Structures are given as C-alpha cells and as structure tokens.
C-alpha cells in the first residue's frame, strides 16, 4: 500500500471505528433504558447484554487505533490514541465490575428460586406421607368411598392402590424437580462461560488495547 493510499485509508478507518463505538454506546443506552428499575421488581439482568456488546467497542477502538497508526506512524501520542486508551480503560473497568455481577446473576430470579424450594418441600412432604402407614391407609379408604376401587375391595387392595397413587405422584414430582434443576444447572454454566469468562477475557483485551494505544 502506497503512502497516498494509506493517507486516504487511515481516515476511513478512524471514522469506521468511531462509528462502531457510537453504535456501542447507543446499544448500551438502549439496554439500560429498556430495563424496569422499579424497586419492587427483582434486580434486572443487564450484565449479559452489556458483556455481549463489549466486543463491538473493542473492534471499534482497535480500528481507530490502526487508522491512527497508519496516519501518523511516528507520533507517539495523539488525542485519538489517548481517547482510545481512556475508553479501553473504562471498558476494562466495566468488565471487571461485571465479573462478580455475572457470578451471582442467577440470584435475581426470585420467583424461580421460590418455585424450586416449594417443589423440594412438596416432595419432602409427599415422601413423609408415603412413610406414614396410617395416612396411606386413610387415603385407601377415601379412594374406596369415592368409587375409584371395586366395591368388594379388601383392605390390602385399598392400601396397595393408595401406595401406587402416592408412588406415582412422588415419581412425577421427582421428574419435574430434576428437569428444573437440570435447566438451572445449564443456565449457570452458560452464564459462567458466556458471562464471567467472557468478561475476564474482554477485561484483559481492553487493558492490552489501552497500553497499545499509549506505547
């Protein structure tokens, strides 16, 4: 690439990079504005979207820096490079702050945690009911009175029918609870990889970019 071509290409790179940075700011503002910050609502989850948008800012700042280097290769520090360094440092700080927020981000879904605890308590109560022979026998009598068993059903038949009903309910509750717990585990792993690990990598990248801009 000749000097003339470089002189024409460098300003385009700078404007392209600045455009990406502006898009990043607008997208972040859109995320923050679109959140319900009501005090009565659970803490909004904004860490994931902001971390997902951060690579856009990294690309924009990197393109700005490349354009500045091409335009003024001998100049150590320019206003644009200082701007890149400051923005990179701020974004690196934001990624560091995002790490602990992403690690406890699952605590914000109060309704889901409450439902999970209620499911565990219900399963515990069902198992306690199953272990109480008197209650199971009483359930068998209720089934017979409700006409769900044969009129000449023996006490053993009533007990067996009640045990089968309770066992089926426990099995269904265990299956539902395992499904919910498995989904929560998958979400936690996804949040750890896509949120925490990604935020750490981006923080390192922004720090390196800040040093590159001023060196």
Protein backbone atom coordinates (compact mmCIF):
# COMPACT_ATOMS: atom_id res chain seq x y z
CA UNK A 1 0.00 0.00 0.00
CA UNK A 2 1.48 3.34 -1.05
CA UNK A 3 1.68 6.45 1.11
CA UNK A 4 -1.14 8.11 -0.82
CA UNK A 5 -3.40 5.10 -0.39
CA UNK A 6 -2.53 4.94 3.29
CA UNK A 7 -3.38 8.62 3.70
CA UNK A 8 -6.81 8.02 2.19
CA UNK A 9 -7.45 4.76 4.00
CA UNK A 10 -6.49 5.86 7.53
CA UNK A 11 -9.27 8.49 7.96
CA UNK A 12 -11.83 5.93 6.78
CA UNK A 13 -10.59 3.50 9.43
CA UNK A 14 -10.84 6.15 12.11
CA UNK A 15 -14.39 7.08 11.16
CA UNK A 16 -15.37 3.44 10.89
CA UNK A 17 -14.01 2.73 14.35
CA UNK A 18 -15.69 5.78 15.85
CA UNK A 19 -18.96 4.72 14.24
CA UNK A 20 -18.73 1.32 15.91
CA UNK A 21 -18.04 2.98 19.26
CA UNK A 22 -21.07 5.24 18.82
CA UNK A 23 -23.20 2.20 17.97
CA UNK A 24 -21.91 0.50 21.13
CA UNK A 25 -22.90 3.50 23.26
CA UNK A 26 -26.35 3.66 21.68
CA UNK A 27 -26.90 -0.08 22.19
CA UNK A 28 -25.83 0.16 25.84
CA UNK A 29 -28.16 3.10 26.42
CA UNK A 30 -30.97 1.13 24.77
CA UNK A 31 -30.35 -1.81 27.12
CA UNK A 32 -30.29 0.39 30.22
CA UNK A 33 -33.33 2.42 29.19
CA UNK A 34 -35.33 -0.70 28.39
CA UNK A 35 -34.92 -2.11 31.90
CA UNK A 36 -37.54 -1.70 34.60
CA UNK A 37 -35.60 -0.28 37.53
CA UNK A 38 -38.55 -0.46 39.91
CA UNK A 39 -37.50 -1.08 43.50
CA UNK A 40 -40.19 -3.74 43.94
CA UNK A 41 -39.03 -5.78 40.94
CA UNK A 42 -36.13 -8.26 41.04
CA UNK A 43 -32.70 -6.88 40.15
CA UNK A 44 -32.60 -6.57 36.35
CA UNK A 45 -30.09 -8.70 34.48
CA UNK A 46 -28.10 -6.30 32.30
CA UNK A 47 -24.63 -7.81 32.69
CA UNK A 48 -25.11 -10.40 29.93
CA UNK A 49 -26.26 -7.93 27.24
CA UNK A 50 -23.54 -5.41 28.13
CA UNK A 51 -20.80 -8.06 28.04
CA UNK A 52 -22.16 -9.30 24.71
CA UNK A 53 -21.93 -5.77 23.29
CA UNK A 54 -18.38 -5.12 24.55
CA UNK A 55 -16.60 -6.83 21.59
CA UNK A 56 -18.23 -4.24 19.33
CA UNK A 57 -16.49 -1.49 21.28
CA UNK A 58 -13.20 -3.40 21.22
CA UNK A 59 -13.38 -3.72 17.45
CA UNK A 60 -14.22 -0.04 17.04
CA UNK A 61 -11.38 1.15 19.28
CA UNK A 62 -8.93 -1.22 17.61
CA UNK A 63 -9.89 0.06 14.15
CA UNK A 64 -9.48 3.66 15.38
CA UNK A 65 -6.03 2.83 16.72
CA UNK A 66 -4.98 1.13 13.48
CA UNK A 67 -6.15 4.15 11.49
CA UNK A 68 -4.24 6.48 13.77
CA UNK A 69 -1.08 4.38 13.49
CA UNK A 70 -1.32 4.35 9.70
CA UNK A 71 -1.94 8.10 9.52
CA UNK A 72 0.78 9.13 11.99
CA UNK A 73 3.19 6.21 12.41
CA UNK A 74 5.90 8.32 14.07
CA UNK A 75 3.65 10.15 16.51
CA UNK A 76 3.74 8.55 19.94
CA UNK A 77 0.57 10.03 21.41
CA UNK A 78 -2.32 11.83 19.77
CA UNK A 79 -5.73 12.92 21.07
CA UNK A 80 -7.33 9.98 19.30
CA UNK A 81 -4.91 7.50 20.84
CA UNK A 82 -5.48 8.99 24.29
CA UNK A 83 -9.23 8.69 23.68
CA UNK A 84 -8.78 5.04 22.72
CA UNK A 85 -6.71 4.43 25.86
CA UNK A 86 -9.26 6.11 28.15
CA UNK A 87 -12.24 4.32 26.58
CA UNK A 88 -10.39 0.99 26.74
CA UNK A 89 -9.55 1.54 30.41
CA UNK A 90 -13.18 2.41 31.21
CA UNK A 91 -14.47 -0.66 29.39
CA UNK A 92 -11.86 -2.83 31.12
CA UNK A 93 -13.10 -1.49 34.46
CA UNK A 94 -16.65 -2.23 33.40
CA UNK A 95 -15.72 -5.82 32.58
CA UNK A 96 -14.03 -6.22 35.98
CA UNK A 97 -17.20 -4.96 37.68
CA UNK A 98 -19.27 -7.31 35.51
CA UNK A 99 -17.40 -10.42 36.75
CA UNK A 100 -18.93 -10.62 40.28
CA UNK A 101 -22.29 -9.44 38.94
CA UNK A 102 -22.34 -12.27 36.40
CA UNK A 103 -21.40 -14.83 39.04
CA UNK A 104 -24.42 -14.08 41.23
CA UNK A 105 -26.72 -13.11 38.37
CA UNK A 106 -28.88 -16.21 38.93
CA UNK A 107 -29.94 -14.90 42.32
CA UNK A 108 -32.09 -12.26 40.67
CA UNK A 109 -34.84 -14.68 39.62
CA UNK A 110 -36.62 -14.79 42.96
CA UNK A 111 -39.76 -16.42 41.57
CA UNK A 112 -37.83 -19.34 40.06
CA UNK A 113 -35.89 -19.97 43.27
CA UNK A 114 -39.10 -19.80 45.29
CA UNK A 115 -40.81 -22.31 42.99
CA UNK A 116 -37.81 -24.62 43.22
CA UNK A 117 -37.85 -24.51 47.02
CA UNK A 118 -41.60 -25.11 47.06
CA UNK A 119 -41.12 -28.12 44.81
CA UNK A 120 -38.49 -29.57 47.13
CA UNK A 121 -40.72 -29.02 50.17
CA UNK A 122 -43.68 -30.64 48.40
CA UNK A 123 -41.56 -33.66 47.52
CA UNK A 124 -40.35 -33.91 51.11
CA UNK A 125 -43.95 -33.81 52.38
CA UNK A 126 -45.02 -36.45 49.86
CA UNK A 127 -42.27 -38.80 50.99
CA UNK A 128 -43.22 -38.23 54.62
CA UNK A 129 -46.85 -39.03 53.74
CA UNK A 130 -45.73 -42.22 51.98
CA UNK A 131 -43.81 -43.32 55.05
CA UNK A 132 -46.86 -42.85 57.31
CA UNK A 133 -48.85 -46.08 57.04
CA UNK A 134 -51.87 -44.59 58.83
CA UNK A 135 -52.21 -41.77 56.32
CA UNK A 136 -51.75 -44.14 53.37
CA UNK A 137 -54.43 -46.44 54.81
CA UNK A 138 -56.76 -43.45 55.23
CA UNK A 139 -56.13 -42.48 51.60
CA UNK A 140 -57.08 -46.01 50.53
CA UNK A 141 -60.37 -45.70 52.40
CA UNK A 142 -61.02 -42.36 50.71
CA UNK A 143 -60.40 -43.90 47.29
CA UNK A 144 -62.88 -46.67 48.07
CA UNK A 145 -65.52 -44.19 49.26
CA UNK A 146 -65.00 -42.11 46.12
CA UNK A 147 -65.81 -45.15 43.99
CA UNK A 148 -62.33 -45.42 42.49
CA UNK A 149 -61.97 -49.00 43.73
CA UNK A 150 -64.18 -52.04 43.46
CA UNK A 151 -66.99 -52.27 45.99
CA UNK A 152 -65.60 -55.53 47.39
CA UNK A 153 -62.01 -54.26 47.59
CA UNK A 154 -60.12 -55.66 50.57
CA UNK A 155 -58.04 -53.61 52.98
CA UNK A 156 -54.94 -54.86 51.22
CA UNK A 157 -56.29 -53.69 47.85
CA UNK A 158 -57.08 -50.27 49.30
CA UNK A 159 -53.61 -49.98 50.78
CA UNK A 160 -51.95 -51.09 47.54
CA UNK A 161 -54.00 -48.61 45.49
CA UNK A 162 -53.10 -45.75 47.84
CA UNK A 163 -49.42 -46.68 47.80
CA UNK A 164 -49.44 -46.83 43.99
CA UNK A 165 -51.07 -43.41 43.75
CA UNK A 166 -48.59 -41.80 46.15
CA UNK A 167 -45.62 -43.51 44.48
CA UNK A 168 -46.75 -42.24 41.07
CA UNK A 169 -47.10 -38.71 42.40
CA UNK A 170 -43.66 -38.84 44.01
CA UNK A 171 -42.10 -40.14 40.79
CA UNK A 172 -43.74 -37.35 38.79
CA UNK A 173 -42.60 -34.71 41.29
CA UNK A 174 -39.04 -36.06 41.23
CA UNK A 175 -39.00 -35.96 37.44
CA UNK A 176 -40.25 -32.37 37.34
CA UNK A 177 -37.81 -31.29 40.02
CA UNK A 178 -34.87 -32.89 38.22
CA UNK A 179 -35.89 -31.15 34.98
CA UNK A 180 -35.97 -27.76 36.71
CA UNK A 181 -32.65 -28.37 38.47
CA UNK A 182 -31.01 -29.54 35.24
CA UNK A 183 -32.23 -26.40 33.47
CA UNK A 184 -30.87 -24.23 36.27
CA UNK A 185 -27.51 -26.00 36.08
CA UNK A 186 -27.30 -25.45 32.33
CA UNK A 187 -28.14 -21.79 32.74
CA UNK A 188 -25.48 -21.42 35.44
CA UNK A 189 -22.84 -22.99 33.18
CA UNK A 190 -23.90 -20.83 30.27
CA UNK A 191 -23.79 -17.72 32.45
CA UNK A 192 -20.32 -18.68 33.73
CA UNK A 193 -18.86 -19.26 30.28
CA UNK A 194 -20.68 -16.54 28.38
CA UNK A 195 -20.64 -14.02 31.21
CA UNK A 196 -17.82 -14.49 33.72
CA UNK A 197 -15.15 -16.00 31.47
CA UNK A 198 -16.06 -13.68 28.61
CA UNK A 199 -15.88 -10.63 30.89
CA UNK A 200 -12.43 -11.64 32.17
CA UNK A 201 -11.11 -12.15 28.61
CA UNK A 202 -12.54 -8.82 27.50
CA UNK A 203 -11.04 -7.04 30.51
CA UNK A 204 -7.60 -8.37 29.59
CA UNK A 205 -8.14 -7.41 25.94
CA UNK A 206 -9.15 -3.85 26.82
CA UNK A 207 -6.16 -3.43 29.14
CA UNK A 208 -3.80 -4.58 26.38
CA UNK A 209 -5.52 -2.23 23.93
CA UNK A 210 -5.12 0.69 26.35
CA UNK A 211 -1.39 0.02 26.70
CA UNK A 212 -1.01 -0.40 22.95
CA UNK A 213 -2.64 2.99 22.39
CA UNK A 214 -0.15 4.88 24.57
CA UNK A 215 3.03 2.94 23.85
